[in-house]
Structures are given as C-alpha cells and as structure tokens.
N, C-alpha and C. Protein backbone atom coordinates (compact mmCIF):
# COMPACT_ATOMS: atom_id res chain seq x y z
N MET A 1 115.72 82.02 133.60
CA MET A 1 114.90 81.50 132.52
C MET A 1 114.82 82.54 131.42
N THR A 2 115.01 82.14 130.18
CA THR A 2 114.93 83.03 129.03
C THR A 2 113.49 83.13 128.56
N THR A 3 113.05 84.33 128.28
CA THR A 3 111.70 84.54 127.76
C THR A 3 111.79 84.98 126.31
N PRO A 4 110.68 84.92 125.54
CA PRO A 4 110.73 85.38 124.16
C PRO A 4 111.20 86.83 124.04
N ALA A 5 110.88 87.66 125.01
CA ALA A 5 111.29 89.06 124.96
C ALA A 5 112.81 89.22 125.09
N ASP A 6 113.48 88.20 125.66
CA ASP A 6 114.93 88.25 125.81
C ASP A 6 115.66 87.84 124.54
N HIS A 7 114.94 87.27 123.61
CA HIS A 7 115.55 86.78 122.38
C HIS A 7 115.90 87.96 121.47
N PRO A 8 117.15 88.08 121.04
CA PRO A 8 117.58 89.24 120.28
C PRO A 8 116.97 89.33 118.88
N LEU A 9 116.41 88.24 118.37
CA LEU A 9 115.89 88.26 117.01
C LEU A 9 114.44 88.75 116.92
N PHE A 10 113.78 88.95 118.03
CA PHE A 10 112.40 89.42 118.00
C PHE A 10 112.37 90.90 117.69
N ARG A 11 111.70 91.22 116.59
CA ARG A 11 111.53 92.61 116.14
C ARG A 11 110.04 92.83 115.92
N TYR A 12 109.59 94.04 116.13
CA TYR A 12 108.15 94.30 116.16
C TYR A 12 107.73 95.37 115.17
N LEU A 13 106.55 95.17 114.55
CA LEU A 13 105.88 96.19 113.76
C LEU A 13 104.65 96.58 114.55
N ILE A 14 104.59 97.83 114.95
CA ILE A 14 103.52 98.30 115.82
C ILE A 14 102.46 99.00 114.98
N ASP A 15 101.22 98.51 115.04
CA ASP A 15 100.11 99.11 114.32
C ASP A 15 99.83 100.50 114.89
N GLU A 16 99.24 101.34 114.06
CA GLU A 16 98.99 102.72 114.48
C GLU A 16 98.00 102.84 115.62
N ASN A 17 97.22 101.79 115.88
CA ASN A 17 96.24 101.87 116.97
C ASN A 17 96.84 101.48 118.33
N VAL A 18 98.11 101.19 118.35
CA VAL A 18 98.82 100.90 119.61
C VAL A 18 99.54 102.18 120.02
N THR A 19 99.48 102.50 121.28
CA THR A 19 100.05 103.76 121.76
C THR A 19 101.57 103.81 121.56
N ARG A 20 102.06 105.01 121.39
CA ARG A 20 103.51 105.18 121.25
C ARG A 20 104.24 104.76 122.52
N SER A 21 103.57 104.82 123.64
CA SER A 21 104.23 104.40 124.88
C SER A 21 104.57 102.91 124.83
N ALA A 22 103.77 102.12 124.14
CA ALA A 22 104.09 100.70 123.99
C ALA A 22 105.34 100.53 123.14
N THR A 23 105.43 101.30 122.06
CA THR A 23 106.63 101.26 121.21
C THR A 23 107.84 101.70 122.01
N ASN A 24 107.69 102.78 122.76
CA ASN A 24 108.79 103.29 123.57
C ASN A 24 109.23 102.29 124.63
N ALA A 25 108.27 101.56 125.19
CA ALA A 25 108.61 100.56 126.21
C ALA A 25 109.43 99.43 125.59
N LEU A 26 109.05 98.99 124.39
CA LEU A 26 109.83 97.95 123.71
C LEU A 26 111.23 98.46 123.40
N ARG A 27 111.32 99.68 122.92
CA ARG A 27 112.63 100.25 122.59
C ARG A 27 113.49 100.42 123.84
N ALA A 28 112.86 100.84 124.94
CA ALA A 28 113.60 101.01 126.19
C ALA A 28 114.13 99.68 126.70
N ALA A 29 113.45 98.60 126.34
CA ALA A 29 113.88 97.26 126.72
C ALA A 29 114.92 96.70 125.74
N GLY A 30 115.34 97.54 124.80
CA GLY A 30 116.37 97.14 123.86
C GLY A 30 115.86 96.38 122.65
N ARG A 31 114.56 96.43 122.38
CA ARG A 31 113.97 95.73 121.24
C ARG A 31 113.85 96.67 120.05
N GLU A 32 113.88 96.09 118.85
CA GLU A 32 113.62 96.86 117.65
C GLU A 32 112.11 96.92 117.47
N ALA A 33 111.57 98.13 117.43
CA ALA A 33 110.14 98.32 117.25
C ALA A 33 109.92 99.42 116.22
N PHE A 34 109.16 99.09 115.19
CA PHE A 34 108.89 100.02 114.10
C PHE A 34 107.41 100.34 114.08
N GLU A 35 107.07 101.61 113.98
CA GLU A 35 105.67 102.00 113.93
C GLU A 35 105.20 101.99 112.48
N SER A 36 104.05 101.38 112.25
CA SER A 36 103.54 101.26 110.89
C SER A 36 103.35 102.63 110.24
N ARG A 37 102.95 103.62 111.03
CA ARG A 37 102.72 104.97 110.47
C ARG A 37 104.00 105.57 109.90
N ASP A 38 105.15 105.13 110.42
CA ASP A 38 106.43 105.63 109.91
C ASP A 38 106.87 104.88 108.65
N ILE A 39 106.34 103.70 108.44
CA ILE A 39 106.76 102.88 107.31
C ILE A 39 105.83 103.06 106.11
N VAL A 40 104.53 102.99 106.34
CA VAL A 40 103.56 103.06 105.23
C VAL A 40 102.54 104.18 105.40
N GLY A 41 102.72 105.02 106.41
CA GLY A 41 101.76 106.10 106.65
C GLY A 41 100.55 105.59 107.42
N GLY A 42 99.62 106.48 107.63
CA GLY A 42 98.43 106.12 108.40
C GLY A 42 97.42 105.36 107.57
N GLN A 43 96.55 104.67 108.25
CA GLN A 43 95.43 103.95 107.63
C GLN A 43 95.86 102.86 106.65
N ALA A 44 96.95 102.19 106.92
CA ALA A 44 97.40 101.09 106.06
C ALA A 44 96.44 99.91 106.24
N ALA A 45 96.17 99.22 105.16
CA ALA A 45 95.29 98.05 105.21
C ALA A 45 95.92 96.96 106.06
N ASP A 46 95.08 96.21 106.76
CA ASP A 46 95.56 95.14 107.63
C ASP A 46 96.41 94.13 106.87
N ARG A 47 95.98 93.76 105.69
CA ARG A 47 96.74 92.78 104.89
C ARG A 47 98.12 93.32 104.50
N VAL A 48 98.22 94.64 104.29
CA VAL A 48 99.52 95.25 103.97
C VAL A 48 100.45 95.11 105.16
N LEU A 49 99.95 95.42 106.35
CA LEU A 49 100.77 95.29 107.56
C LEU A 49 101.17 93.84 107.80
N GLU A 50 100.23 92.93 107.59
CA GLU A 50 100.54 91.51 107.76
C GLU A 50 101.62 91.08 106.77
N TRP A 51 101.53 91.54 105.53
CA TRP A 51 102.51 91.20 104.50
C TRP A 51 103.89 91.74 104.87
N ILE A 52 103.95 93.01 105.28
CA ILE A 52 105.23 93.62 105.67
C ILE A 52 105.84 92.86 106.84
N ALA A 53 105.03 92.59 107.85
CA ALA A 53 105.55 91.88 109.03
C ALA A 53 106.08 90.51 108.65
N HIS A 54 105.34 89.80 107.83
CA HIS A 54 105.76 88.46 107.43
C HIS A 54 107.07 88.51 106.64
N HIS A 55 107.15 89.38 105.65
CA HIS A 55 108.32 89.41 104.78
C HIS A 55 109.55 90.06 105.42
N GLN A 56 109.36 90.83 106.47
CA GLN A 56 110.49 91.44 107.16
C GLN A 56 110.83 90.70 108.46
N GLY A 57 110.11 89.63 108.75
CA GLY A 57 110.38 88.85 109.96
C GLY A 57 110.03 89.59 111.23
N LEU A 58 108.98 90.40 111.17
CA LEU A 58 108.55 91.19 112.32
C LEU A 58 107.33 90.56 112.98
N ILE A 59 107.19 90.78 114.26
CA ILE A 59 105.98 90.39 114.97
C ILE A 59 105.06 91.59 114.96
N LEU A 60 103.86 91.39 114.44
CA LEU A 60 102.89 92.48 114.33
C LEU A 60 102.14 92.63 115.64
N VAL A 61 102.10 93.84 116.17
CA VAL A 61 101.39 94.14 117.41
C VAL A 61 100.25 95.09 117.07
N SER A 62 99.02 94.70 117.40
CA SER A 62 97.85 95.51 117.04
C SER A 62 96.76 95.40 118.09
N ARG A 63 95.89 96.40 118.11
CA ARG A 63 94.69 96.35 118.93
C ARG A 63 93.47 96.21 118.02
N ASP A 64 93.69 96.05 116.74
CA ASP A 64 92.63 95.99 115.74
C ASP A 64 91.95 94.63 115.78
N ARG A 65 90.66 94.61 116.01
CA ARG A 65 89.93 93.35 116.07
C ARG A 65 89.91 92.64 114.72
N ASP A 66 90.10 93.37 113.63
CA ASP A 66 90.14 92.74 112.31
C ASP A 66 91.26 91.71 112.22
N PHE A 67 92.34 91.91 112.94
CA PHE A 67 93.43 90.96 112.90
C PHE A 67 93.03 89.62 113.50
N MET A 68 92.12 89.63 114.43
CA MET A 68 91.63 88.36 114.97
C MET A 68 90.94 87.57 113.87
N ALA A 69 90.18 88.26 113.01
CA ALA A 69 89.52 87.58 111.90
C ALA A 69 90.55 87.05 110.91
N ILE A 70 91.61 87.82 110.67
CA ILE A 70 92.66 87.38 109.76
C ILE A 70 93.34 86.14 110.34
N ILE A 71 93.67 86.19 111.61
CA ILE A 71 94.33 85.06 112.26
C ILE A 71 93.45 83.81 112.19
N ARG A 72 92.16 83.97 112.48
CA ARG A 72 91.25 82.82 112.48
C ARG A 72 90.99 82.28 111.08
N SER A 73 91.10 83.14 110.05
CA SER A 73 90.78 82.71 108.70
C SER A 73 91.96 82.02 108.01
N VAL A 74 93.14 82.12 108.59
CA VAL A 74 94.31 81.49 107.98
C VAL A 74 94.19 79.98 108.13
N HIS A 75 94.27 79.29 107.03
CA HIS A 75 94.19 77.83 107.04
C HIS A 75 95.39 77.27 107.79
N ALA A 76 95.22 76.14 108.44
CA ALA A 76 96.28 75.56 109.26
C ALA A 76 97.59 75.40 108.50
N ARG A 77 97.54 75.07 107.21
CA ARG A 77 98.77 74.91 106.44
C ARG A 77 99.49 76.24 106.23
N GLN A 78 98.75 77.34 106.30
CA GLN A 78 99.35 78.65 106.03
C GLN A 78 99.83 79.36 107.28
N VAL A 79 99.54 78.82 108.44
CA VAL A 79 99.91 79.50 109.68
C VAL A 79 101.41 79.79 109.71
N ARG A 80 102.20 78.83 109.31
CA ARG A 80 103.64 79.04 109.35
C ARG A 80 104.11 80.03 108.29
N LYS A 81 103.25 80.36 107.32
CA LYS A 81 103.60 81.30 106.26
C LYS A 81 103.11 82.71 106.55
N SER A 82 102.34 82.89 107.59
CA SER A 82 101.80 84.22 107.88
C SER A 82 102.60 84.88 109.00
N ALA A 83 102.39 86.17 109.15
CA ALA A 83 103.12 86.92 110.17
C ALA A 83 102.70 86.47 111.56
N LYS A 84 103.63 86.52 112.47
CA LYS A 84 103.32 86.31 113.88
C LYS A 84 102.62 87.58 114.35
N THR A 85 101.53 87.42 115.06
CA THR A 85 100.72 88.58 115.44
C THR A 85 100.40 88.53 116.92
N ILE A 86 100.53 89.68 117.57
CA ILE A 86 100.10 89.84 118.95
C ILE A 86 98.92 90.80 118.92
N TRP A 87 97.79 90.33 119.40
CA TRP A 87 96.60 91.18 119.45
C TRP A 87 96.40 91.63 120.89
N LEU A 88 96.41 92.95 121.10
CA LEU A 88 96.26 93.50 122.44
C LEU A 88 94.79 93.82 122.67
N ARG A 89 94.28 93.35 123.78
CA ARG A 89 92.91 93.69 124.16
C ARG A 89 93.00 94.52 125.43
N VAL A 90 92.53 95.74 125.32
CA VAL A 90 92.59 96.65 126.46
C VAL A 90 91.16 97.01 126.84
N ASP A 91 90.78 96.66 128.06
CA ASP A 91 89.42 96.97 128.54
C ASP A 91 89.40 98.27 129.28
C-alpha cells in the first residue's frame, strides 16, 4: 500500500519550532525537507511561512499553535489555495 510519505512529490518546509531531528528523519527517508530558519532566518511570521509553503508547493510542518488559528480561519473556498499544513502536538 502506498502512503503519502511514499509519494515523491511531497516536500516539506519545517518551522523553526520543530526539532532538527524531525527534519533529519524526513531527509533520511529520502524526502526533501527545508528548515525555515535556513530560508528566511529565525522568527519568520506565520503568514510568511504559509505563503512560502503555498507558492513553493511545500507542506508546512509546525508545532506553533498559531497555525491552528490560521487553518481554522481560512474560508472553505480558500482551503485549496492555502498551504498544506501539518501541526505537531507534542505532550
């Protein structure tokens, strides 16, 4: 069975609040993973990361709770126009 992680077109933008080990794990699995701190530096605004991910066809991976608000505030018509986002919750 093929999973989304097996798809060669999935590429990731990793927010600075996600550990480098997560980025390294994606890379070790043969995925393209870019750290936001390497692209736009530290403390980039959430909307900037969302814009970059959307326009570069990247899946945004974050632990930032603000992204949940962004995801929830996107109108249903705009969902297909916004970046795909994975929000990690670590207890």
